[in-house]
N, C-alpha and C. Protein backbone atom coordinates (compact mmCIF):
# COMPACT_ATOMS: atom_id res chain seq x y z
N MET A 1 79.30 210.85 131.36
CA MET A 1 79.76 210.08 130.60
C MET A 1 79.79 211.13 129.14
N ASN A 2 81.00 210.59 128.34
CA ASN A 2 80.82 211.36 127.30
C ASN A 2 80.11 210.88 126.09
N THR A 3 79.60 212.21 125.35
CA THR A 3 78.63 211.54 124.52
C THR A 3 79.60 211.13 122.94
N GLN A 4 80.60 211.58 123.12
CA GLN A 4 81.36 211.35 122.18
C GLN A 4 81.88 209.79 121.87
N HIS A 5 82.02 209.50 123.26
CA HIS A 5 82.45 208.11 123.80
C HIS A 5 81.54 206.88 123.05
N THR A 6 80.52 207.71 123.62
CA THR A 6 79.20 206.81 123.33
C THR A 6 78.95 206.73 121.66
N HIS A 7 79.17 207.51 121.18
CA HIS A 7 79.00 207.54 119.30
C HIS A 7 79.98 206.79 118.56
N THR A 8 80.95 206.23 119.45
CA THR A 8 82.06 205.83 118.68
C THR A 8 82.32 204.11 119.20
N ALA A 9 81.88 204.03 120.58
CA ALA A 9 81.35 202.53 121.08
C ALA A 9 80.07 201.92 120.58
N VAL A 10 80.02 200.75 120.47
CA VAL A 10 78.63 200.05 120.28
C VAL A 10 78.21 199.96 121.14
N GLU A 11 76.76 199.91 120.96
CA GLU A 11 75.51 199.73 122.34
C GLU A 11 75.38 198.16 121.89
N PRO A 12 74.76 197.77 122.99
CA PRO A 12 74.51 196.30 123.25
C PRO A 12 73.55 195.90 122.48
N THR A 13 72.72 196.76 122.12
CA THR A 13 71.63 196.33 121.14
C THR A 13 71.94 197.00 119.84
N SER A 14 72.94 197.34 119.41
CA SER A 14 72.84 198.16 118.16
C SER A 14 72.95 197.09 116.98
N PRO A 15 72.36 197.72 115.58
CA PRO A 15 72.06 196.55 114.73
C PRO A 15 73.37 195.87 114.18
N ALA A 16 74.97 196.96 114.01
CA ALA A 16 75.63 196.21 114.11
C ALA A 16 76.52 195.39 114.68
N LEU A 17 76.21 195.24 116.15
CA LEU A 17 76.46 194.38 116.71
C LEU A 17 75.78 193.21 116.78
N ILE A 18 74.33 193.36 116.70
CA ILE A 18 73.37 192.13 116.42
C ILE A 18 73.60 191.24 115.05
N LYS A 19 74.20 192.37 114.04
CA LYS A 19 74.74 191.86 112.83
C LYS A 19 75.70 191.13 113.03
N LYS A 20 76.95 191.49 113.82
CA LYS A 20 78.18 190.65 113.65
C LYS A 20 77.72 189.62 114.61
N VAL A 21 76.94 189.69 115.51
CA VAL A 21 76.83 188.23 116.80
C VAL A 21 76.16 187.22 115.89
N GLU A 22 75.24 187.58 115.15
CA GLU A 22 74.39 186.81 114.00
C GLU A 22 75.14 186.04 112.96
N LYS A 23 76.24 186.85 112.74
CA LYS A 23 77.34 186.43 111.86
C LYS A 23 78.03 185.12 112.45
N GLU A 24 78.74 186.09 113.73
CA GLU A 24 79.25 184.47 113.88
C GLU A 24 78.74 183.43 114.40
N ILE A 25 77.61 183.73 114.83
CA ILE A 25 76.34 182.44 115.49
C ILE A 25 76.38 181.59 113.90
N LEU A 26 75.70 182.38 112.94
CA LEU A 26 75.84 181.50 111.51
C LEU A 26 77.24 181.17 111.24
N LYS A 27 78.49 181.43 111.50
CA LYS A 27 79.72 181.23 110.84
C LYS A 27 79.88 179.33 111.80
N GLU A 28 79.47 180.00 113.04
CA GLU A 28 79.81 178.62 114.32
C GLU A 28 78.78 177.54 114.03
N ALA A 29 77.41 177.76 113.45
CA ALA A 29 76.49 177.03 113.10
C ALA A 29 77.12 176.50 111.85
N LYS A 30 77.48 176.95 110.89
CA LYS A 30 78.15 176.53 109.44
C LYS A 30 79.16 175.59 109.73
N HIS A 31 80.10 175.80 110.74
CA HIS A 31 81.17 175.23 111.26
C HIS A 31 80.97 173.63 111.76
N GLU A 32 80.21 173.82 112.61
CA GLU A 32 79.87 172.97 113.45
C GLU A 32 78.89 171.71 112.77
N GLU A 33 78.27 172.25 111.77
CA GLU A 33 77.52 171.56 110.31
C GLU A 33 78.54 171.05 109.68
N LYS A 34 79.21 171.50 109.40
CA LYS A 34 80.64 170.92 108.63
C LYS A 34 81.57 169.88 109.35
N SER A 35 81.52 170.15 110.71
CA SER A 35 82.36 169.34 111.17
C SER A 35 81.56 167.98 111.66
N LEU A 36 80.30 168.07 111.63
CA LEU A 36 79.12 167.17 111.89
C LEU A 36 79.38 165.82 110.44
N LYS A 37 79.06 166.94 109.43
CA LYS A 37 79.03 166.33 108.07
C LYS A 37 80.10 165.39 108.10
N HIS A 38 81.52 165.94 108.35
CA HIS A 38 82.83 165.22 108.28
C HIS A 38 82.70 163.90 109.42
N ALA A 39 82.28 164.31 110.44
CA ALA A 39 82.13 163.24 111.65
C ALA A 39 81.22 162.04 110.90
N ILE A 40 80.20 162.50 110.52
CA ILE A 40 79.58 161.07 109.76
C ILE A 40 79.99 160.58 108.85
N LYS A 41 80.50 161.29 107.60
CA LYS A 41 81.39 160.79 106.69
C LYS A 41 82.30 160.03 107.18
N ASP A 42 83.21 160.17 108.05
CA ASP A 42 84.01 159.46 108.99
C ASP A 42 83.83 158.05 109.35
N LEU A 43 82.42 158.08 110.06
CA LEU A 43 82.10 157.00 110.76
C LEU A 43 81.20 156.29 109.79
N SER A 44 81.28 156.40 108.48
CA SER A 44 80.41 156.06 107.22
C SER A 44 81.14 155.08 106.93
N HIS A 45 82.83 155.51 106.62
CA HIS A 45 83.90 154.92 106.40
C HIS A 45 84.68 153.87 107.10
N THR A 46 84.35 154.27 108.25
CA THR A 46 84.80 153.57 109.21
C THR A 46 83.70 152.07 109.21
N GLN A 47 82.59 152.54 109.22
CA GLN A 47 81.95 151.43 109.34
C GLN A 47 81.94 150.25 107.95
N LYS A 48 82.60 150.98 107.07
CA LYS A 48 82.43 150.33 105.55
C LYS A 48 83.64 149.28 106.03
N ALA A 49 84.45 150.16 106.34
CA ALA A 49 85.98 149.34 107.03
C ALA A 49 85.92 148.45 107.85
N GLU A 50 85.10 148.48 108.79
CA GLU A 50 84.62 147.51 109.45
C GLU A 50 83.80 146.15 109.14
N ASN A 51 83.12 146.73 108.15
CA ASN A 51 82.12 145.53 107.28
C ASN A 51 83.06 144.38 106.33
N HIS A 52 84.27 145.56 105.87
CA HIS A 52 85.35 144.99 105.44
C HIS A 52 86.37 143.64 105.95
N ALA A 53 86.19 144.07 107.37
CA ALA A 53 87.33 143.61 107.97
C ALA A 53 86.55 142.53 108.64
N THR A 54 85.12 142.55 108.67
CA THR A 54 84.38 141.16 109.55
C THR A 54 84.45 140.30 108.05
N LYS A 55 84.34 140.77 106.93
CA LYS A 55 83.98 139.55 105.55
C LYS A 55 85.23 138.97 105.83
N ALA A 56 86.41 139.82 105.65
CA ALA A 56 87.87 139.38 105.31
C ALA A 56 88.23 138.58 106.73
N ASP A 57 87.57 138.93 107.91
CA ASP A 57 87.84 137.78 109.31
C ASP A 57 87.33 136.41 108.83
N ASN A 58 85.84 136.83 108.34
CA ASN A 58 85.18 135.30 108.37
C ASN A 58 85.95 134.69 106.91
N LYS A 59 86.30 135.26 105.97
CA LYS A 59 86.83 134.61 105.16
C LYS A 59 88.23 133.54 105.73
N ALA A 60 89.06 134.23 106.31
CA ALA A 60 90.26 133.85 106.87
C ALA A 60 89.88 132.55 107.75
N VAL A 61 88.93 132.84 108.50
CA VAL A 61 88.45 131.79 109.41
C VAL A 61 87.82 130.55 108.46
N HIS A 62 87.13 130.55 107.76
CA HIS A 62 86.68 129.83 106.50
C HIS A 62 87.76 128.87 105.95
N THR A 63 88.72 130.01 105.63
CA THR A 63 89.95 129.38 104.44
C THR A 63 91.04 128.72 105.70
N LEU A 64 90.99 129.11 106.75
CA LEU A 64 91.36 127.94 107.92
C LEU A 64 90.84 126.69 108.28
N GLU A 65 89.77 126.57 108.25
CA GLU A 65 88.78 125.65 108.60
C GLU A 65 88.80 124.64 107.43
N LYS A 66 89.25 125.02 106.21
CA LYS A 66 89.06 124.23 105.12
C LYS A 66 90.75 123.49 104.84
N THR A 67 91.46 124.68 105.11
CA THR A 67 92.94 124.38 105.14
C THR A 67 93.21 123.29 106.31
N GLU A 68 92.63 123.30 107.32
CA GLU A 68 92.63 122.15 108.44
C GLU A 68 91.90 120.81 107.99
N LYS A 69 90.70 121.03 107.28
CA LYS A 69 90.42 119.79 106.93
C LYS A 69 90.98 119.22 106.17
N LYS A 70 91.73 119.92 105.01
CA LYS A 70 92.79 119.12 104.00
C LYS A 70 93.82 118.73 104.68
N GLU A 71 94.04 118.78 105.22
CA GLU A 71 95.68 118.59 106.23
C GLU A 71 95.34 117.67 106.70
N GLN A 72 93.72 117.32 107.70
CA GLN A 72 93.41 115.92 108.49
C GLN A 72 93.18 115.28 107.39
N ASN A 73 92.63 115.94 105.99
CA ASN A 73 92.21 114.48 104.91
C ASN A 73 93.80 113.96 104.67
N ALA A 74 94.53 114.93 104.37
CA ALA A 74 95.91 114.44 103.73
C ALA A 74 96.93 113.56 105.21
N LEU A 75 96.53 113.96 106.53
CA LEU A 75 97.02 112.89 107.33
C LEU A 75 96.38 111.63 107.18
N LYS A 76 95.07 111.61 107.06
CA LYS A 76 94.76 109.96 107.24
C LYS A 76 95.10 109.23 105.65
N SER A 77 95.36 110.20 104.47
CA SER A 77 95.50 109.29 103.65
C SER A 77 97.17 108.81 104.05
N LEU A 78 98.11 109.74 104.57
CA LEU A 78 99.29 109.57 104.93
C LEU A 78 99.19 108.15 105.83
N HIS A 79 98.18 108.06 106.55
CA HIS A 79 98.32 106.90 107.70
C HIS A 79 97.80 106.07 106.68
N GLN A 80 97.12 105.86 106.15
CA GLN A 80 96.39 104.59 104.72
C GLN A 80 97.51 104.13 104.32
N ALA A 81 98.30 105.18 103.87
CA ALA A 81 99.48 105.10 102.77
C ALA A 81 100.54 104.24 103.46
N THR A 82 101.17 104.63 104.81
CA THR A 82 102.00 104.23 105.67
C THR A 82 101.80 102.93 105.91
N ASN A 83 100.04 102.61 106.17
CA ASN A 83 99.79 101.21 106.34
C ASN A 83 99.93 100.39 105.18
N GLN A 84 99.44 100.45 104.02
CA GLN A 84 99.55 99.86 102.86
C GLN A 84 100.98 99.55 102.58
N HIS A 85 101.89 100.72 102.83
CA HIS A 85 103.29 100.34 102.58
C HIS A 85 103.74 99.25 103.64
N ASP A 86 103.26 99.27 104.96
CA ASP A 86 104.19 98.25 106.00
C ASP A 86 103.21 97.33 105.59
N VAL A 87 101.95 97.00 105.17
CA VAL A 87 101.86 95.43 104.67
C VAL A 87 102.33 94.90 103.35
N ALA A 88 102.64 96.01 102.45
CA ALA A 88 103.17 95.48 100.64
C ALA A 88 104.71 95.24 101.48
N LEU A 89 105.67 96.08 102.46
CA LEU A 89 106.82 95.72 102.65
C LEU A 89 106.91 94.36 103.30
N SER A 90 105.76 93.73 104.57
CA SER A 90 105.67 92.56 104.81
C SER A 90 105.61 91.71 104.04
N GLY A 91 104.67 91.93 103.04
CA GLY A 91 104.72 90.85 101.92
C GLY A 91 106.06 90.77 101.40
N VAL A 92 106.53 91.57 100.91
CA VAL A 92 108.02 91.45 100.56
C VAL A 92 108.76 91.01 101.18
N HIS A 93 109.02 90.87 102.36
CA HIS A 93 109.57 90.10 103.26
C HIS A 93 109.51 88.58 103.49
N LYS A 94 108.12 88.53 103.20
CA LYS A 94 107.90 87.15 103.27
C LYS A 94 107.79 86.52 102.19
N ALA A 95 107.84 87.31 100.94
CA ALA A 95 108.02 86.52 99.99
C ALA A 95 109.49 86.33 99.56
N GLN A 96 110.54 87.08 100.34
CA GLN A 96 111.80 86.62 100.09
C GLN A 96 112.31 85.71 100.86
N ASN A 97 111.73 85.70 101.91
CA ASN A 97 111.86 84.50 102.83
C ASN A 97 111.35 82.90 101.95
N ASP A 98 110.21 83.21 101.37
CA ASP A 98 109.70 81.97 100.74
C ASP A 98 110.85 81.39 99.59
N ALA A 99 110.91 82.71 99.08
CA ALA A 99 112.13 82.23 97.89
C ALA A 99 113.19 81.58 98.21
N GLU A 100 113.96 82.11 99.49
CA GLU A 100 115.39 82.06 99.71
C GLU A 100 115.13 80.42 100.05
N ALA A 101 113.83 79.91 100.70
CA ALA A 101 113.46 78.56 101.05
C ALA A 101 113.41 77.62 99.97
N ILE A 102 112.76 78.07 99.01
CA ILE A 102 112.30 77.50 97.88
C ILE A 102 113.98 77.07 97.40
N SER A 103 114.64 78.30 97.02
CA SER A 103 116.01 77.96 96.20
C SER A 103 116.74 77.13 97.02
N ILE A 104 116.65 77.02 98.10
CA ILE A 104 117.64 76.19 99.31
C ILE A 104 116.85 74.65 98.48
N ASN A 105 115.34 74.49 98.91
CA ASN A 105 114.91 73.40 98.45
C ASN A 105 115.25 72.81 97.27
N HIS A 106 115.35 73.57 96.36
CA HIS A 106 115.77 73.17 94.86
C HIS A 106 116.78 72.74 95.11
N VAL A 107 117.86 73.58 95.36
CA VAL A 107 119.20 73.27 95.77
C VAL A 107 119.48 71.41 96.19
N LYS A 108 118.78 71.46 97.35
CA LYS A 108 118.77 70.05 97.70
C LYS A 108 118.27 69.01 96.87
N MET A 109 116.78 69.26 96.05
CA MET A 109 116.61 68.35 95.24
C MET A 109 117.51 68.00 94.22
N THR A 110 118.06 69.08 93.64
CA THR A 110 118.99 69.17 92.60
C THR A 110 120.10 68.00 93.11
N GLN A 111 120.67 68.18 94.22
CA GLN A 111 122.01 67.65 94.78
C GLN A 111 121.31 66.06 94.77
N THR A 112 120.06 66.00 95.44
CA THR A 112 119.34 64.44 95.68
C THR A 112 119.51 63.77 94.03
N LEU A 113 118.89 64.48 93.24
CA LEU A 113 118.21 64.12 92.15
C LEU A 113 120.11 63.54 91.25
N GLN A 114 121.13 64.33 91.59
CA GLN A 114 122.39 64.15 91.16
C GLN A 114 122.96 62.64 91.75
N GLU A 115 122.71 62.68 93.06
CA GLU A 115 123.17 61.53 93.92
C GLU A 115 122.02 60.33 92.94
N LYS A 116 120.79 60.34 93.53
CA LYS A 116 120.13 59.10 92.97
C LYS A 116 120.58 58.87 91.24
N GLN A 117 120.86 59.87 90.44
CA GLN A 117 121.25 59.36 89.02
C GLN A 117 122.27 58.78 89.27
N ALA A 118 123.29 58.82 89.88
CA ALA A 118 125.12 58.17 89.99
C ALA A 118 124.43 56.73 90.29
N GLN A 119 123.78 56.59 91.69
CA GLN A 119 123.19 55.34 92.28
C GLN A 119 122.60 54.53 90.84
N VAL A 120 121.82 54.93 90.31
CA VAL A 120 121.21 54.33 89.33
C VAL A 120 122.07 53.83 87.94
N ASP A 121 122.79 55.01 87.56
CA ASP A 121 123.90 54.69 86.65
C ASP A 121 124.70 53.58 86.87
N ALA A 122 125.31 53.66 88.41
CA ALA A 122 126.18 53.02 88.81
C ALA A 122 125.58 51.41 88.83
N ALA A 123 124.20 51.47 89.13
CA ALA A 123 123.17 50.12 89.86
C ALA A 123 123.23 49.54 88.23
N MET A 124 123.12 50.22 87.09
CA MET A 124 122.74 49.49 85.77
C MET A 124 124.01 48.92 85.28
N LYS A 125 125.11 49.95 85.62
CA LYS A 125 126.33 49.53 85.14
C LYS A 125 126.65 48.10 85.99
N ALA A 126 126.31 48.14 86.90
CA ALA A 126 126.64 46.88 87.80
C ALA A 126 125.98 45.51 87.04
N HIS A 127 124.62 45.99 86.97
CA HIS A 127 123.85 44.78 86.36
C HIS A 127 124.07 44.25 85.02
N ASP A 128 124.45 45.73 84.44
CA ASP A 128 125.20 45.16 82.71
C ASP A 128 126.39 44.18 82.87
N GLU A 129 127.16 44.36 84.00
CA GLU A 129 128.25 43.56 84.04
C GLU A 129 128.03 42.34 84.38
N HIS A 130 127.26 42.21 85.77
CA HIS A 130 126.57 40.96 85.79
C HIS A 130 125.93 40.07 85.12
N THR A 131 125.01 40.84 84.22
CA THR A 131 124.55 39.98 83.11
C THR A 131 125.15 39.26 82.21
N ALA A 132 126.32 40.34 82.00
CA ALA A 132 127.31 39.56 80.76
C ALA A 132 128.40 38.75 81.46
N ALA A 133 128.55 38.82 82.52
CA ALA A 133 129.21 37.62 83.52
C ALA A 133 128.36 36.48 83.53
N ARG A 134 127.25 36.24 83.77
CA ARG A 134 126.07 35.17 83.86
C ARG A 134 125.96 34.82 82.23
N ASN A 135 125.66 35.53 81.50
CA ASN A 135 125.62 35.32 79.80
C ASN A 135 127.00 34.51 79.98
N ALA A 136 128.01 34.65 79.96
CA ALA A 136 129.41 34.10 79.81
C ALA A 136 129.51 32.60 80.46
N LYS A 137 128.90 32.82 81.71
CA LYS A 137 128.84 31.66 82.81
C LYS A 137 127.80 30.70 81.69
N LEU A 138 126.64 30.84 81.32
CA LEU A 138 125.63 29.87 81.05
C LEU A 138 126.59 29.50 79.15
N ALA A 139 127.15 30.46 78.65
CA ALA A 139 127.69 29.62 77.42
C ALA A 139 128.81 29.23 77.75
N ALA A 140 129.35 29.18 78.68
CA ALA A 140 130.59 28.31 79.00
C ALA A 140 130.13 27.15 79.29
N LEU A 141 128.66 26.81 80.22
CA LEU A 141 128.03 25.81 80.61
C LEU A 141 127.56 24.98 79.36
N HIS A 142 126.76 25.24 78.46
CA HIS A 142 126.20 24.75 77.36
C HIS A 142 127.28 24.83 76.22
N GLY A 143 128.30 25.50 75.88
CA GLY A 143 129.23 25.16 74.87
C GLY A 143 128.63 26.04 73.84
N PRO A 144 129.64 26.39 72.45
CA PRO A 144 129.50 27.22 71.97
C PRO A 144 128.04 27.44 70.92
N ALA A 145 127.54 25.88 70.63
CA ALA A 145 126.00 26.14 70.33
C ALA A 145 124.87 26.66 70.96
N GLY A 146 125.05 26.48 72.01
CA GLY A 146 124.14 26.95 73.00
C GLY A 146 124.14 28.20 73.52
N GLY A 147 125.06 29.07 72.93
CA GLY A 147 125.39 30.33 73.45
C GLY A 147 124.36 31.48 73.08
N ASP A 148 123.74 31.07 72.10
CA ASP A 148 122.56 31.97 71.64
C ASP A 148 121.56 31.73 72.39
N GLU A 149 120.76 30.82 72.79
CA GLU A 149 119.81 30.27 73.52
C GLU A 149 120.20 31.05 75.06
N ALA A 150 121.44 30.71 75.37
CA ALA A 150 121.47 31.52 76.69
C ALA A 150 121.29 33.20 76.73
N SER A 151 121.62 33.93 75.57
CA SER A 151 121.62 35.16 75.51
C SER A 151 120.39 35.59 75.54
N ARG A 152 119.29 34.68 75.14
CA ARG A 152 118.26 35.20 74.76
C ARG A 152 117.36 34.74 76.49
N VAL A 153 117.70 34.11 77.27
CA VAL A 153 117.24 33.50 78.65
C VAL A 153 117.57 35.15 79.32
N ILE A 154 118.55 35.74 79.52
CA ILE A 154 118.94 36.84 80.38
C ILE A 154 119.32 38.00 79.55
N ALA A 155 118.45 38.96 79.73
CA ALA A 155 118.25 40.29 78.05
C ALA A 155 119.32 41.35 79.21
N GLN A 156 120.24 42.03 78.25
CA GLN A 156 121.06 42.95 78.71
C GLN A 156 120.23 44.33 78.80
N HIS A 157 120.41 44.95 79.67
CA HIS A 157 119.70 46.52 79.64
C HIS A 157 120.68 47.29 79.52
N GLY A 158 120.62 48.45 78.71
CA GLY A 158 121.24 49.70 78.21
C GLY A 158 120.67 50.84 79.71
N PRO A 159 121.55 51.73 79.25
CA PRO A 159 121.38 52.83 79.93
C PRO A 159 119.73 53.23 79.28
N PRO A 160 118.57 54.03 80.24
CA PRO A 160 117.50 54.67 79.88
C PRO A 160 117.74 55.39 78.72
N VAL A 161 116.59 55.75 77.78
CA VAL A 161 117.09 56.81 76.91
C VAL A 161 115.96 57.90 77.14
């Protein structure tokens, strides 16, 4: 072996080689420590994000349940309102039918009243005419002096007031 060559080459146990290897080991340890800290920090951020996601998910589920309950209550109210409307509409139809029947009955009663009023008026007129004729016959039977007495016996009726 050449001695010059051995002087320029680093011996495996030389202090420079040991220092270089120690430096590389420390650099590797520092790099690994930095990577580990970064991984731990990233894990912490991910855990926080997952916690936030869990809370958001729980809140969304709660909101959904609450909204579904409101919808069910609204649907129940709608059914009640529809039922109330149906009952009211039925009442309106019954009232319309009743009003129509009452109106028809009123028209019939008005016609009956007019017919009976005409019959009574005709009967009163006939009665007055017959009374006048009877009084005239009685007056003719008793002569001029007895006319006053006969008129007292059969009174004339006028139309009712």
